[in-house]
């Protein structure tokens, strides 16, 4: 009984410290657009504070290679098919402009 009283007394007298920290991250318009393109299969090649360059690698299609012919499709893949490239930049207003090209 005495032991229970001591435990209860110690329990009541303990100071409870609740240090809760909240981390708030603000996502810039550029990082939001970059993550959109990464979700679409693009790879981030370079990024600065106000610009980013993303590249979508070309994919080899085995189905087309079989249908068209392996040598013919391989030639097309090597010399004709291009990678898609996206250049994102942020102006002073905070708007993101997108420039696409084939590389």
PDB file of N, CA and C in Angstrom:
ATOM      1  N   UNK A   1       0.821  -1.188   0.000  1.00  0.00           N
ATOM      2  CA  UNK A   1       0.000   0.000   0.000  1.00  0.00           C
ATOM      3  C   UNK A   1       0.867   1.256   0.000  1.00  0.00           C
ATOM      4  N   UNK A   2       1.863   1.240   0.902  1.00  0.00           N
ATOM      5  CA  UNK A   2       2.773   2.385   0.974  1.00  0.00           C
ATOM      6  C   UNK A   2       3.521   2.563  -0.342  1.00  0.00           C
ATOM      7  N   UNK A   3       3.901   1.442  -0.924  1.00  0.00           N
ATOM      8  CA  UNK A   3       4.616   1.496  -2.198  1.00  0.00           C
ATOM      9  C   UNK A   3       3.723   2.090  -3.286  1.00  0.00           C
ATOM     10  N   UNK A   4       2.462   1.716  -3.305  1.00  0.00           N
ATOM     11  CA  UNK A   4       1.529   2.262  -4.285  1.00  0.00           C
ATOM     12  C   UNK A   4       1.364   3.758  -4.096  1.00  0.00           C
ATOM     13  N   UNK A   5       1.330   4.221  -2.850  1.00  0.00           N
ATOM     14  CA  UNK A   5       1.222   5.668  -2.594  1.00  0.00           C
ATOM     15  C   UNK A   5       2.443   6.402  -3.114  1.00  0.00           C
ATOM     16  N   UNK A   6       3.631   5.831  -2.883  1.00  0.00           N
ATOM     17  CA  UNK A   6       4.854   6.477  -3.378  1.00  0.00           C
ATOM     18  C   UNK A   6       4.844   6.539  -4.904  1.00  0.00           C
ATOM     19  N   UNK A   7       4.444   5.445  -5.538  1.00  0.00           N
ATOM     20  CA  UNK A   7       4.395   5.441  -6.988  1.00  0.00           C
ATOM     21  C   UNK A   7       3.388   6.458  -7.509  1.00  0.00           C
ATOM     22  N   UNK A   8       2.235   6.491  -6.864  1.00  0.00           N
ATOM     23  CA  UNK A   8       1.211   7.449  -7.290  1.00  0.00           C
ATOM     24  C   UNK A   8       1.684   8.879  -7.067  1.00  0.00           C
ATOM     25  N   UNK A   9       2.322   9.140  -5.928  1.00  0.00           N
ATOM     26  CA  UNK A   9       2.835  10.462  -5.629  1.00  0.00           C
ATOM     27  C   UNK A   9       3.911  10.849  -6.642  1.00  0.00           C
ATOM     28  N   UNK A  10       4.828   9.922  -6.913  1.00  0.00           N
ATOM     29  CA  UNK A  10       5.866  10.207  -7.900  1.00  0.00           C
ATOM     30  C   UNK A  10       5.269  10.424  -9.285  1.00  0.00           C
ATOM     31  N   UNK A  11       4.260   9.697  -9.574  1.00  0.00           N
ATOM     32  CA  UNK A  11       3.622   9.815 -10.880  1.00  0.00           C
ATOM     33  C   UNK A  11       2.940  11.174 -11.023  1.00  0.00           C
ATOM     34  N   UNK A  12       2.265  11.615  -9.954  1.00  0.00           N
ATOM     35  CA  UNK A  12       1.574  12.898 -10.010  1.00  0.00           C
ATOM     36  C   UNK A  12       2.541  14.054 -10.074  1.00  0.00           C
ATOM     37  N   UNK A  13       3.685  13.913  -9.453  1.00  0.00           N
ATOM     38  CA  UNK A  13       4.614  15.032  -9.352  1.00  0.00           C
ATOM     39  C   UNK A  13       5.590  15.119 -10.517  1.00  0.00           C
ATOM     40  N   UNK A  14       5.545  14.165 -11.405  1.00  0.00           N
ATOM     41  CA  UNK A  14       6.472  14.223 -12.539  1.00  0.00           C
ATOM     42  C   UNK A  14       6.086  15.351 -13.471  1.00  0.00           C
ATOM     43  N   UNK A  15       7.077  16.060 -13.864  1.00  0.00           N
ATOM     44  CA  UNK A  15       6.835  17.111 -14.848  1.00  0.00           C
ATOM     45  C   UNK A  15       6.866  16.474 -16.230  1.00  0.00           C
ATOM     46  N   UNK A  16       5.869  16.763 -16.962  1.00  0.00           N
ATOM     47  CA  UNK A  16       5.778  16.204 -18.303  1.00  0.00           C
ATOM     48  C   UNK A  16       6.193  17.281 -19.283  1.00  0.00           C
ATOM     49  N   UNK A  17       7.162  16.936 -20.075  1.00  0.00           N
ATOM     50  CA  UNK A  17       7.666  17.878 -21.067  1.00  0.00           C
ATOM     51  C   UNK A  17       7.229  17.429 -22.451  1.00  0.00           C
ATOM     52  N   UNK A  18       6.485  18.261 -23.109  1.00  0.00           N
ATOM     53  CA  UNK A  18       6.040  17.959 -24.460  1.00  0.00           C
ATOM     54  C   UNK A  18       6.684  18.965 -25.410  1.00  0.00           C
ATOM     55  N   UNK A  19       7.795  18.581 -25.941  1.00  0.00           N
ATOM     56  CA  UNK A  19       8.456  19.423 -26.930  1.00  0.00           C
ATOM     57  C   UNK A  19       8.067  18.915 -28.309  1.00  0.00           C
ATOM     58  N   UNK A  20       7.186  19.615 -28.927  1.00  0.00           N
ATOM     59  CA  UNK A  20       6.722  19.234 -30.242  1.00  0.00           C
ATOM     60  C   UNK A  20       7.226  20.248 -31.238  1.00  0.00           C
ATOM     61  N   UNK A  21       7.939  19.757 -32.204  1.00  0.00           N
ATOM     62  CA  UNK A  21       8.413  20.661 -33.244  1.00  0.00           C
ATOM     63  C   UNK A  21       7.662  20.350 -34.528  1.00  0.00           C
ATOM     64  N   UNK A  22       7.272  21.374 -35.213  1.00  0.00           N
ATOM     65  CA  UNK A  22       6.542  21.234 -36.462  1.00  0.00           C
ATOM     66  C   UNK A  22       7.427  21.775 -37.572  1.00  0.00           C
ATOM     67  N   UNK A  23       7.667  20.927 -38.551  1.00  0.00           N
ATOM     68  CA  UNK A  23       8.485  21.350 -39.682  1.00  0.00           C
ATOM     69  C   UNK A  23       7.555  21.684 -40.837  1.00  0.00           C
ATOM     70  N   UNK A  24       7.665  22.886 -41.306  1.00  0.00           N
ATOM     71  CA  UNK A  24       6.865  23.332 -42.427  1.00  0.00           C
ATOM     72  C   UNK A  24       7.813  23.580 -43.593  1.00  0.00           C
ATOM     73  N   UNK A  25       7.584  22.877 -44.665  1.00  0.00           N
ATOM     74  CA  UNK A  25       8.408  23.088 -45.848  1.00  0.00           C
ATOM     75  C   UNK A  25       7.559  23.734 -46.921  1.00  0.00           C
ATOM     76  N   UNK A  26       8.097  24.737 -47.502  1.00  0.00           N
ATOM     77  CA  UNK A  26       7.418  25.434 -48.574  1.00  0.00           C
ATOM     78  C   UNK A  26       8.036  24.972 -49.886  1.00  0.00           C
ATOM     79  N   UNK A  27       7.214  24.394 -50.725  1.00  0.00           N
ATOM     80  CA  UNK A  27       7.714  23.875 -51.982  1.00  0.00           C
ATOM     81  C   UNK A  27       7.650  24.978 -53.028  1.00  0.00           C
ATOM     82  N   UNK A  28       8.770  25.217 -53.690  1.00  0.00           N
ATOM     83  CA  UNK A  28       8.810  26.248 -54.715  1.00  0.00           C
ATOM     84  C   UNK A  28       8.063  25.756 -55.953  1.00  0.00           C
ATOM     85  N   UNK A  29       7.621  26.682 -56.783  1.00  0.00           N
ATOM     86  CA  UNK A  29       6.926  26.264 -58.005  1.00  0.00           C
ATOM     87  C   UNK A  29       7.821  25.398 -58.893  1.00  0.00           C
ATOM     88  N   UNK A  30       9.120  25.679 -58.888  1.00  0.00           N
ATOM     89  CA  UNK A  30      10.039  24.907 -59.713  1.00  0.00           C
ATOM     90  C   UNK A  30      10.134  23.465 -59.236  1.00  0.00           C
ATOM     91  N   UNK A  31      10.283  23.256 -57.944  1.00  0.00           N
ATOM     92  CA  UNK A  31      10.407  21.883 -57.443  1.00  0.00           C
ATOM     93  C   UNK A  31       9.109  21.103 -57.644  1.00  0.00           C
ATOM     94  N   UNK A  32       7.982  21.784 -57.597  1.00  0.00           N
ATOM     95  CA  UNK A  32       6.709  21.124 -57.869  1.00  0.00           C
ATOM     96  C   UNK A  32       6.621  20.643 -59.302  1.00  0.00           C
ATOM     97  N   UNK A  33       7.044  21.488 -60.251  1.00  0.00           N
ATOM     98  CA  UNK A  33       7.016  21.101 -61.662  1.00  0.00           C
ATOM     99  C   UNK A  33       8.043  20.020 -61.952  1.00  0.00           C
ATOM    100  N   UNK A  34       9.211  20.094 -61.297  1.00  0.00           N
ATOM    101  CA  UNK A  34      10.237  19.068 -61.482  1.00  0.00           C
ATOM    102  C   UNK A  34       9.703  17.718 -61.045  1.00  0.00           C
ATOM    103  N   UNK A  35       9.052  17.670 -59.901  1.00  0.00           N
ATOM    104  CA  UNK A  35       8.514  16.386 -59.422  1.00  0.00           C
ATOM    105  C   UNK A  35       7.409  15.865 -60.342  1.00  0.00           C
ATOM    106  N   UNK A  36       6.642  16.750 -60.981  1.00  0.00           N
ATOM    107  CA  UNK A  36       5.636  16.317 -61.958  1.00  0.00           C
ATOM    108  C   UNK A  36       6.301  15.601 -63.133  1.00  0.00           C
ATOM    109  N   UNK A  37       7.370  16.192 -63.656  1.00  0.00           N
ATOM    110  CA  UNK A  37       8.060  15.592 -64.793  1.00  0.00           C
ATOM    111  C   UNK A  37       8.797  14.315 -64.401  1.00  0.00           C
ATOM    112  N   UNK A  38       9.334  14.257 -63.201  1.00  0.00           N
ATOM    113  CA  UNK A  38      10.000  13.037 -62.736  1.00  0.00           C
ATOM    114  C   UNK A  38       8.990  11.902 -62.642  1.00  0.00           C
ATOM    115  N   UNK A  39       7.771  12.214 -62.206  1.00  0.00           N
ATOM    116  CA  UNK A  39       6.710  11.202 -62.152  1.00  0.00           C
ATOM    117  C   UNK A  39       6.333  10.689 -63.541  1.00  0.00           C
ATOM    118  N   UNK A  40       6.547  11.518 -64.570  1.00  0.00           N
ATOM    119  CA  UNK A  40       6.237  11.125 -65.951  1.00  0.00           C
ATOM    120  C   UNK A  40       7.367  10.338 -66.601  1.00  0.00           C
ATOM    121  N   UNK A  41       8.481  10.126 -65.887  1.00  0.00           N
ATOM    122  CA  UNK A  41       9.571   9.334 -66.433  1.00  0.00           C
ATOM    123  C   UNK A  41      10.805  10.118 -66.823  1.00  0.00           C
ATOM    124  N   UNK A  42      10.798  11.412 -66.598  1.00  0.00           N
ATOM    125  CA  UNK A  42      11.961  12.235 -66.919  1.00  0.00           C
ATOM    126  C   UNK A  42      13.013  12.088 -65.829  1.00  0.00           C
ATOM    127  N   UNK A  43      14.256  12.309 -66.195  1.00  0.00           N
ATOM    128  CA  UNK A  43      15.360  12.285 -65.234  1.00  0.00           C
ATOM    129  C   UNK A  43      15.929  13.690 -65.111  1.00  0.00           C
ATOM    130  N   UNK A  44      16.196  14.086 -63.886  1.00  0.00           N
ATOM    131  CA  UNK A  44      16.752  15.410 -63.620  1.00  0.00           C
ATOM    132  C   UNK A  44      18.228  15.394 -63.967  1.00  0.00           C
ATOM    133  N   UNK A  45      18.601  16.191 -64.973  1.00  0.00           N
ATOM    134  CA  UNK A  45      19.994  16.230 -65.417  1.00  0.00           C
ATOM    135  C   UNK A  45      20.774  17.299 -64.666  1.00  0.00           C
ATOM    136  N   UNK A  46      20.177  18.467 -64.487  1.00  0.00           N
ATOM    137  CA  UNK A  46      20.821  19.527 -63.705  1.00  0.00           C
ATOM    138  C   UNK A  46      19.744  20.457 -63.155  1.00  0.00           C
ATOM    139  N   UNK A  47      20.075  21.086 -62.029  1.00  0.00           N
ATOM    140  CA  UNK A  47      19.123  22.003 -61.408  1.00  0.00           C
ATOM    141  C   UNK A  47      19.869  23.128 -60.729  1.00  0.00           C
ATOM    142  N   UNK A  48      19.367  24.325 -60.914  1.00  0.00           N
ATOM    143  CA  UNK A  48      19.880  25.499 -60.236  1.00  0.00           C
ATOM    144  C   UNK A  48      18.777  26.088 -59.380  1.00  0.00           C
ATOM    145  N   UNK A  49      19.021  27.230 -58.778  1.00  0.00           N
ATOM    146  CA  UNK A  49      17.986  27.828 -57.923  1.00  0.00           C
ATOM    147  C   UNK A  49      16.742  28.285 -58.693  1.00  0.00           C
ATOM    148  N   UNK A  50      16.909  28.634 -59.972  1.00  0.00           N
ATOM    149  CA  UNK A  50      15.767  29.114 -60.739  1.00  0.00           C
ATOM    150  C   UNK A  50      15.598  28.420 -62.086  1.00  0.00           C
ATOM    151  N   UNK A  51      16.251  27.267 -62.293  1.00  0.00           N
ATOM    152  CA  UNK A  51      16.080  26.530 -63.536  1.00  0.00           C
ATOM    153  C   UNK A  51      16.373  25.052 -63.325  1.00  0.00           C
ATOM    154  N   UNK A  52      15.906  24.247 -64.264  1.00  0.00           N
ATOM    155  CA  UNK A  52      16.139  22.801 -64.198  1.00  0.00           C
ATOM    156  C   UNK A  52      16.106  22.233 -65.601  1.00  0.00           C
ATOM    157  N   UNK A  53      16.915  21.214 -65.815  1.00  0.00           N
ATOM    158  CA  UNK A  53      16.962  20.525 -67.098  1.00  0.00           C
ATOM    159  C   UNK A  53      16.635  19.059 -66.861  1.00  0.00           C
ATOM    160  N   UNK A  54      15.602  18.562 -67.549  1.00  0.00           N
ATOM    161  CA  UNK A  54      15.169  17.176 -67.406  1.00  0.00           C
ATOM    162  C   UNK A  54      15.207  16.502 -68.768  1.00  0.00           C
ATOM    163  N   UNK A  55      15.550  15.216 -68.777  1.00  0.00           N
ATOM    164  CA  UNK A  55      15.644  14.458 -70.014  1.00  0.00           C
ATOM    165  C   UNK A  55      14.831  13.174 -69.856  1.00  0.00           C
ATOM    166  N   UNK A  56      14.040  12.858 -70.883  1.00  0.00           N
ATOM    167  CA  UNK A  56      13.308  11.594 -70.896  1.00  0.00           C
ATOM    168  C   UNK A  56      14.034  10.672 -71.868  1.00  0.00           C
ATOM    169  N   UNK A  57      14.647   9.616 -71.347  1.00  0.00           N
ATOM    170  CA  UNK A  57      15.415   8.732 -72.227  1.00  0.00           C
ATOM    171  C   UNK A  57      14.512   7.993 -73.211  1.00  0.00           C
ATOM    172  N   UNK A  58      15.068   7.740 -74.391  1.00  0.00           N
ATOM    173  CA  UNK A  58      14.304   6.990 -75.381  1.00  0.00           C
ATOM    174  C   UNK A  58      14.245   5.523 -74.968  1.00  0.00           C
ATOM    175  N   UNK A  59      13.150   4.874 -75.328  1.00  0.00           N
ATOM    176  CA  UNK A  59      12.940   3.479 -74.939  1.00  0.00           C
ATOM    177  C   UNK A  59      12.955   2.589 -76.181  1.00  0.00           C
ATOM    178  N   UNK A  60      13.595   1.457 -76.048  1.00  0.00           N
ATOM    179  CA  UNK A  60      13.637   0.468 -77.119  1.00  0.00           C
ATOM    180  C   UNK A  60      12.390  -0.401 -77.018  1.00  0.00           C
ATOM    181  N   UNK A  61      11.652  -0.500 -78.129  1.00  0.00           N
ATOM    182  CA  UNK A  61      10.423  -1.292 -78.154  1.00  0.00           C
ATOM    183  C   UNK A  61      10.684  -2.616 -78.855  1.00  0.00           C
ATOM    184  N   UNK A  62      10.647  -3.681 -78.107  1.00  0.00           N
ATOM    185  CA  UNK A  62      10.878  -5.009 -78.667  1.00  0.00           C
ATOM    186  C   UNK A  62       9.764  -5.400 -79.637  1.00  0.00           C
ATOM    187  N   UNK A  63       8.559  -4.968 -79.360  1.00  0.00           N
ATOM    188  CA  UNK A  63       7.422  -5.289 -80.246  1.00  0.00           C
ATOM    189  C   UNK A  63       7.638  -4.675 -81.629  1.00  0.00           C
ATOM    190  N   UNK A  64       8.012  -3.388 -81.659  1.00  0.00           N
ATOM    191  CA  UNK A  64       8.284  -2.743 -82.945  1.00  0.00           C
ATOM    192  C   UNK A  64       9.488  -3.374 -83.632  1.00  0.00           C
ATOM    193  N   UNK A  65      10.477  -3.754 -82.873  1.00  0.00           N
ATOM    194  CA  UNK A  65      11.653  -4.401 -83.464  1.00  0.00           C
ATOM    195  C   UNK A  65      11.276  -5.711 -84.145  1.00  0.00           C
ATOM    196  N   UNK A  66      10.380  -6.470 -83.545  1.00  0.00           N
ATOM    197  CA  UNK A  66       9.943  -7.734 -84.143  1.00  0.00           C
ATOM    198  C   UNK A  66       9.065  -7.477 -85.366  1.00  0.00           C
ATOM    199  N   UNK A  67       8.142  -6.521 -85.248  1.00  0.00           N
ATOM    200  CA  UNK A  67       7.220  -6.243 -86.353  1.00  0.00           C
ATOM    201  C   UNK A  67       7.931  -5.642 -87.566  1.00  0.00           C
ATOM    202  N   UNK A  68       8.828  -4.700 -87.347  1.00  0.00           N
ATOM    203  CA  UNK A  68       9.481  -3.986 -88.442  1.00  0.00           C
ATOM    204  C   UNK A  68      10.742  -4.709 -88.905  1.00  0.00           C
ATOM    205  N   UNK A  69      11.394  -5.346 -88.000  1.00  0.00           N
ATOM    206  CA  UNK A  69      12.668  -5.989 -88.293  1.00  0.00           C
ATOM    207  C   UNK A  69      13.708  -5.418 -87.351  1.00  0.00           C
ATOM    208  N   UNK A  70      14.494  -6.280 -86.770  1.00  0.00           N
ATOM    209  CA  UNK A  70      15.434  -5.860 -85.733  1.00  0.00           C
ATOM    210  C   UNK A  70      16.453  -4.866 -86.275  1.00  0.00           C
ATOM    211  N   UNK A  71      17.047  -5.145 -87.435  1.00  0.00           N
ATOM    212  CA  UNK A  71      18.078  -4.242 -87.976  1.00  0.00           C
ATOM    213  C   UNK A  71      17.494  -2.890 -88.371  1.00  0.00           C
ATOM    214  N   UNK A  72      16.334  -2.914 -88.987  1.00  0.00           N
ATOM    215  CA  UNK A  72      15.708  -1.654 -89.399  1.00  0.00           C
ATOM    216  C   UNK A  72      15.318  -0.818 -88.178  1.00  0.00           C
ATOM    217  N   UNK A  73      14.717  -1.458 -87.176  1.00  0.00           N
ATOM    218  CA  UNK A  73      14.326  -0.714 -85.966  1.00  0.00           C
ATOM    219  C   UNK A  73      15.555  -0.249 -85.191  1.00  0.00           C
ATOM    220  N   UNK A  74      16.612  -1.052 -85.153  1.00  0.00           N
ATOM    221  CA  UNK A  74      17.839  -0.643 -84.460  1.00  0.00           C
ATOM    222  C   UNK A  74      18.430   0.604 -85.112  1.00  0.00           C
ATOM    223  N   UNK A  75      18.403   0.657 -86.441  1.00  0.00           N
ATOM    224  CA  UNK A  75      18.900   1.843 -87.154  1.00  0.00           C
ATOM    225  C   UNK A  75      18.039   3.059 -86.812  1.00  0.00           C
ATOM    226  N   UNK A  76      16.717   2.867 -86.821  1.00  0.00           N
ATOM    227  CA  UNK A  76      15.804   3.954 -86.453  1.00  0.00           C
ATOM    228  C   UNK A  76      16.079   4.431 -85.031  1.00  0.00           C
ATOM    229  N   UNK A  77      16.242   3.486 -84.111  1.00  0.00           N
ATOM    230  CA  UNK A  77      16.467   3.807 -82.699  1.00  0.00           C
ATOM    231  C   UNK A  77      17.764   4.579 -82.512  1.00  0.00           C
ATOM    232  N   UNK A  78      18.804   4.188 -83.209  1.00  0.00           N
ATOM    233  CA  UNK A  78      20.114   4.821 -83.036  1.00  0.00           C
ATOM    234  C   UNK A  78      20.220   6.189 -83.708  1.00  0.00           C
ATOM    235  N   UNK A  79      19.646   6.328 -84.917  1.00  0.00           N
ATOM    236  CA  UNK A  79      19.905   7.559 -85.667  1.00  0.00           C
ATOM    237  C   UNK A  79      18.717   8.506 -85.765  1.00  0.00           C
ATOM    238  N   UNK A  80      17.514   8.022 -85.607  1.00  0.00           N
ATOM    239  CA  UNK A  80      16.355   8.884 -85.808  1.00  0.00           C
ATOM    240  C   UNK A  80      15.661   9.239 -84.498  1.00  0.00           C
ATOM    241  N   UNK A  81      15.434   8.259 -83.662  1.00  0.00           N
ATOM    242  CA  UNK A  81      14.691   8.483 -82.425  1.00  0.00           C
ATOM    243  C   UNK A  81      15.495   9.364 -81.473  1.00  0.00           C
ATOM    244  N   UNK A  82      14.859  10.370 -80.927  1.00  0.00           N
ATOM    245  CA  UNK A  82      15.534  11.355 -80.071  1.00  0.00           C
ATOM    246  C   UNK A  82      15.010  11.301 -78.643  1.00  0.00           C
ATOM    247  N   UNK A  83      15.818  11.814 -77.741  1.00  0.00           N
ATOM    248  CA  UNK A  83      15.386  11.976 -76.351  1.00  0.00           C
ATOM    249  C   UNK A  83      14.600  13.275 -76.235  1.00  0.00           C
ATOM    250  N   UNK A  84      13.611  13.259 -75.366  1.00  0.00           N
ATOM    251  CA  UNK A  84      12.872  14.490 -75.088  1.00  0.00           C
ATOM    252  C   UNK A  84      13.587  15.223 -73.962  1.00  0.00           C
ATOM    253  N   UNK A  85      13.711  16.533 -74.122  1.00  0.00           N
ATOM    254  CA  UNK A  85      14.392  17.358 -73.126  1.00  0.00           C
ATOM    255  C   UNK A  85      13.471  18.501 -72.729  1.00  0.00           C
ATOM    256  N   UNK A  86      13.399  18.777 -71.445  1.00  0.00           N
ATOM    257  CA  UNK A  86      12.557  19.859 -70.927  1.00  0.00           C
ATOM    258  C   UNK A  86      13.425  20.797 -70.106  1.00  0.00           C
ATOM    259  N   UNK A  87      13.332  22.081 -70.413  1.00  0.00           N
ATOM    260  CA  UNK A  87      14.050  23.099 -69.655  1.00  0.00           C
ATOM    261  C   UNK A  87      13.019  23.938 -68.920  1.00  0.00           C
ATOM    262  N   UNK A  88      13.080  23.950 -67.595  1.00  0.00           N
ATOM    263  CA  UNK A  88      12.158  24.731 -66.768  1.00  0.00           C
ATOM    264  C   UNK A  88      12.902  25.923 -66.203  1.00  0.00           C
ATOM    265  N   UNK A  89      12.269  27.081 -66.230  1.00  0.00           N
ATOM    266  CA  UNK A  89      12.880  28.262 -65.627  1.00  0.00           C
ATOM    267  C   UNK A  89      11.801  29.084 -64.917  1.00  0.00           C
ATOM    268  N   UNK A  90      12.222  29.774 -63.873  1.00  0.00           N
ATOM    269  CA  UNK A  90      11.311  30.597 -63.081  1.00  0.00           C
ATOM    270  C   UNK A  90      11.651  32.054 -63.312  1.00  0.00           C
ATOM    271  N   UNK A  91      10.632  32.848 -63.665  1.00  0.00           N
ATOM    272  CA  UNK A  91      10.880  34.283 -63.839  1.00  0.00           C
ATOM    273  C   UNK A  91      10.753  35.005 -62.499  1.00  0.00           C
ATOM    274  N   UNK A  92      10.896  36.311 -62.505  1.00  0.00           N
ATOM    275  CA  UNK A  92      10.889  37.075 -61.252  1.00  0.00           C
ATOM    276  C   UNK A  92       9.525  37.091 -60.579  1.00  0.00           C
ATOM    277  N   UNK A  93       8.463  36.863 -61.340  1.00  0.00           N
ATOM    278  CA  UNK A  93       7.117  36.802 -60.756  1.00  0.00           C
ATOM    279  C   UNK A  93       6.848  35.470 -60.072  1.00  0.00           C
ATOM    280  N   UNK A  94       7.680  34.473 -60.353  1.00  0.00           N
ATOM    281  CA  UNK A  94       7.478  33.149 -59.780  1.00  0.00           C
ATOM    282  C   UNK A  94       6.787  32.176 -60.711  1.00  0.00           C
ATOM    283  N   UNK A  95       6.545  32.600 -61.962  1.00  0.00           N
ATOM    284  CA  UNK A  95       5.921  31.726 -62.937  1.00  0.00           C
ATOM    285  C   UNK A  95       6.973  30.806 -63.560  1.00  0.00           C
ATOM    286  N   UNK A  96       6.591  29.568 -63.814  1.00  0.00           N
ATOM    287  CA  UNK A  96       7.506  28.590 -64.407  1.00  0.00           C
ATOM    288  C   UNK A  96       7.237  28.509 -65.903  1.00  0.00           C
ATOM    289  N   UNK A  97       8.284  28.722 -66.700  1.00  0.00           N
ATOM    290  CA  UNK A  97       8.158  28.556 -68.145  1.00  0.00           C
ATOM    291  C   UNK A  97       8.801  27.236 -68.546  1.00  0.00           C
ATOM    292  N   UNK A  98       8.194  26.585 -69.546  1.00  0.00           N
ATOM    293  CA  UNK A  98       8.633  25.271 -69.994  1.00  0.00           C
ATOM    294  C   UNK A  98       9.051  25.364 -71.445  1.00  0.00           C
ATOM    295  N   UNK A  99      10.271  24.866 -71.723  1.00  0.00           N
ATOM    296  CA  UNK A  99      10.761  24.793 -73.103  1.00  0.00           C
ATOM    297  C   UNK A  99      11.115  23.336 -73.380  1.00  0.00           C
ATOM    298  N   UNK A 100      10.502  22.764 -74.432  1.00  0.00           N
ATOM    299  CA  UNK A 100      10.776  21.372 -74.765  1.00  0.00           C
ATOM    300  C   UNK A 100      11.540  21.298 -76.076  1.00  0.00           C
ATOM    301  N   UNK A 101      12.360  20.256 -76.192  1.00  0.00           N
ATOM    302  CA  UNK A 101      13.117  20.034 -77.429  1.00  0.00           C
ATOM    303  C   UNK A 101      13.454  18.553 -77.543  1.00  0.00           C
ATOM    304  N   UNK A 102      13.894  18.166 -78.729  1.00  0.00           N
ATOM    305  CA  UNK A 102      14.333  16.802 -79.014  1.00  0.00           C
ATOM    306  C   UNK A 102      15.850  16.816 -79.128  1.00  0.00           C
ATOM    307  N   UNK A 103      16.515  15.917 -78.446  1.00  0.00           N
ATOM    308  CA  UNK A 103      17.974  15.864 -78.470  1.00  0.00           C
ATOM    309  C   UNK A 103      18.406  14.541 -79.055  1.00  0.00           C
TER     310      UNK A 103
END
